[in-house]
Amino acid sequence: MTAARTGRTGRAAALGVLLQALRGGGRYSLVQRLRALPRLVSDLLRGRYGDVDRSRLVGVGLGLLYVLSPVDVLPEVLLGPLGLADDAVVTAWLAGAVLAEVDRFLDWERTRERVVRSTVVG
């Protein structure tokens, strides 16, 4: 599979997670995901959660820089509402990618809790 195809598949999956979260579907509610986000960042920074996809982490960082940057590829001043399209696409991908990573983190937390409980009880 080519890198371009893998990238498109990853973007499509991230957008799918976002749409599913907005509809209220999936394993976790949007509220559960939002509450888990600070824990994910904390565990990531402390080295407890190392199961993050590094390329996704870099993509999220670059996406945040792009959205927050005053430089715009498609400037709204020249293109009007069409100029918002690039920001909207990047923002939607960002949200989907973060929510997908939060889902993985919540799965990791549940697995970790089961292992800890099983070790203590067993």
Protein backbone atom coordinates (compact mmCIF):
# COMPACT_ATOMS: atom_id res chain seq x y z
CA MET A 1 0.00 0.00 0.00
CA THR A 2 1.42 3.37 -0.94
CA ALA A 3 2.02 6.14 1.60
CA ALA A 4 -0.55 8.36 -0.16
CA ARG A 5 -3.21 5.67 0.03
CA THR A 6 -2.40 4.99 3.69
CA GLY A 7 -2.66 8.73 4.42
CA ARG A 8 -6.06 8.95 2.68
CA THR A 9 -7.29 5.90 4.58
CA GLY A 10 -6.14 7.42 7.88
CA ARG A 11 -7.83 10.73 7.10
CA ALA A 12 -11.05 8.99 6.11
CA ALA A 13 -11.00 6.92 9.31
CA ALA A 14 -10.39 10.04 11.44
CA LEU A 15 -13.30 11.86 9.78
CA GLY A 16 -15.47 8.77 10.26
CA VAL A 17 -14.69 8.76 13.99
CA LEU A 18 -15.58 12.46 14.18
CA LEU A 19 -18.91 11.96 12.43
CA GLN A 20 -19.71 8.94 14.57
CA ALA A 21 -18.91 10.89 17.75
CA LEU A 22 -21.09 13.78 16.68
CA ARG A 23 -23.97 11.38 16.03
CA GLY A 24 -23.46 9.86 19.46
CA GLY A 25 -22.33 6.47 18.18
CA GLY A 26 -19.29 4.41 18.98
CA ARG A 27 -17.96 2.67 22.05
CA TYR A 28 -17.63 5.89 24.03
CA SER A 29 -19.76 8.99 24.29
CA LEU A 30 -18.42 12.38 23.28
CA VAL A 31 -18.45 13.39 26.98
CA GLN A 32 -16.35 10.34 27.94
CA ARG A 33 -13.89 11.18 25.19
CA LEU A 34 -13.59 14.83 26.20
CA ARG A 35 -13.09 13.89 29.86
CA ALA A 36 -10.36 11.41 28.89
CA LEU A 37 -8.39 13.95 26.84
CA PRO A 38 -6.54 15.54 29.81
CA ARG A 39 -5.67 12.05 31.13
CA LEU A 40 -4.35 11.06 27.72
CA VAL A 41 -2.12 14.14 27.54
CA SER A 42 -0.93 13.63 31.11
CA ASP A 43 -0.15 9.92 30.62
CA LEU A 44 1.51 10.66 27.30
CA LEU A 45 3.77 13.34 28.80
CA ARG A 46 4.63 11.11 31.79
CA GLY A 47 5.50 8.20 29.52
CA ARG A 48 2.76 5.92 30.86
CA TYR A 49 0.89 5.81 27.55
CA GLY A 50 3.32 5.09 24.77
CA ASP A 51 0.91 3.38 22.40
CA VAL A 52 0.31 6.56 20.39
CA ASP A 53 0.89 6.57 16.64
CA ARG A 54 3.87 8.94 16.23
CA SER A 55 2.89 9.96 12.71
CA ARG A 56 -0.58 10.89 13.95
CA LEU A 57 0.97 12.88 16.80
CA VAL A 58 3.12 14.79 14.31
CA GLY A 59 0.09 15.32 12.07
CA VAL A 60 -1.96 16.69 14.95
CA GLY A 61 0.86 19.06 15.89
CA LEU A 62 1.22 20.28 12.32
CA GLY A 63 -2.56 20.58 11.96
CA LEU A 64 -2.75 22.69 15.12
CA LEU A 65 0.04 24.93 13.86
CA TYR A 66 -1.75 25.31 10.52
CA VAL A 67 -5.11 26.19 12.05
CA LEU A 68 -3.59 28.59 14.59
CA SER A 69 -1.14 30.16 12.12
CA PRO A 70 -1.99 33.59 10.71
CA VAL A 71 -0.65 32.42 7.32
CA ASP A 72 -3.36 30.79 5.21
CA VAL A 73 -3.03 28.71 2.06
CA LEU A 74 -6.48 29.78 0.86
CA PRO A 75 -6.99 33.30 2.26
CA GLU A 76 -10.54 34.24 3.17
CA VAL A 77 -9.93 37.84 2.11
CA LEU A 78 -9.45 36.78 -1.52
CA LEU A 79 -11.71 33.75 -1.74
CA GLY A 80 -14.49 34.52 0.75
CA PRO A 81 -16.24 31.47 2.17
CA LEU A 82 -14.20 29.16 -0.07
CA GLY A 83 -11.14 30.31 1.83
CA LEU A 84 -12.56 28.72 4.98
CA ALA A 85 -12.61 25.29 3.33
CA ASP A 86 -8.96 24.46 4.03
CA ASP A 87 -9.32 25.43 7.69
CA ALA A 88 -12.55 23.43 7.99
CA VAL A 89 -10.99 20.30 6.47
CA VAL A 90 -7.91 20.49 8.69
CA THR A 91 -10.04 21.18 11.79
CA ALA A 92 -12.36 18.26 11.00
CA TRP A 93 -9.39 15.95 10.50
CA LEU A 94 -7.81 17.20 13.73
CA ALA A 95 -10.97 16.53 15.72
CA GLY A 96 -11.38 13.08 14.19
CA ALA A 97 -7.74 12.15 14.75
CA VAL A 98 -7.83 13.28 18.38
CA LEU A 99 -11.10 11.44 19.04
CA ALA A 100 -9.72 8.27 17.42
CA GLU A 101 -6.62 8.47 19.62
CA VAL A 102 -8.79 9.06 22.70
CA ASP A 103 -10.75 5.90 21.80
CA ARG A 104 -7.49 3.94 21.66
CA PHE A 105 -6.44 5.49 24.98
CA LEU A 106 -9.75 4.54 26.64
CA ASP A 107 -9.36 0.98 25.34
CA TRP A 108 -5.81 0.95 26.75
CA GLU A 109 -7.07 2.23 30.13
CA ARG A 110 -9.73 -0.49 30.30
CA THR A 111 -7.22 -3.20 29.42
CA ARG A 112 -4.78 -1.83 31.98
CA GLU A 113 -7.48 -1.75 34.69
CA ARG A 114 -8.36 -5.40 33.99
CA VAL A 115 -4.70 -6.44 34.22
CA VAL A 116 -4.19 -4.54 37.50
CA ARG A 117 -7.41 -5.94 39.03
CA SER A 118 -6.57 -9.46 37.88
CA THR A 119 -3.06 -9.19 39.35
CA VAL A 120 -4.35 -7.88 42.69
CA VAL A 121 -7.22 -10.37 42.93
CA GLY A 122 -5.34 -13.37 41.46
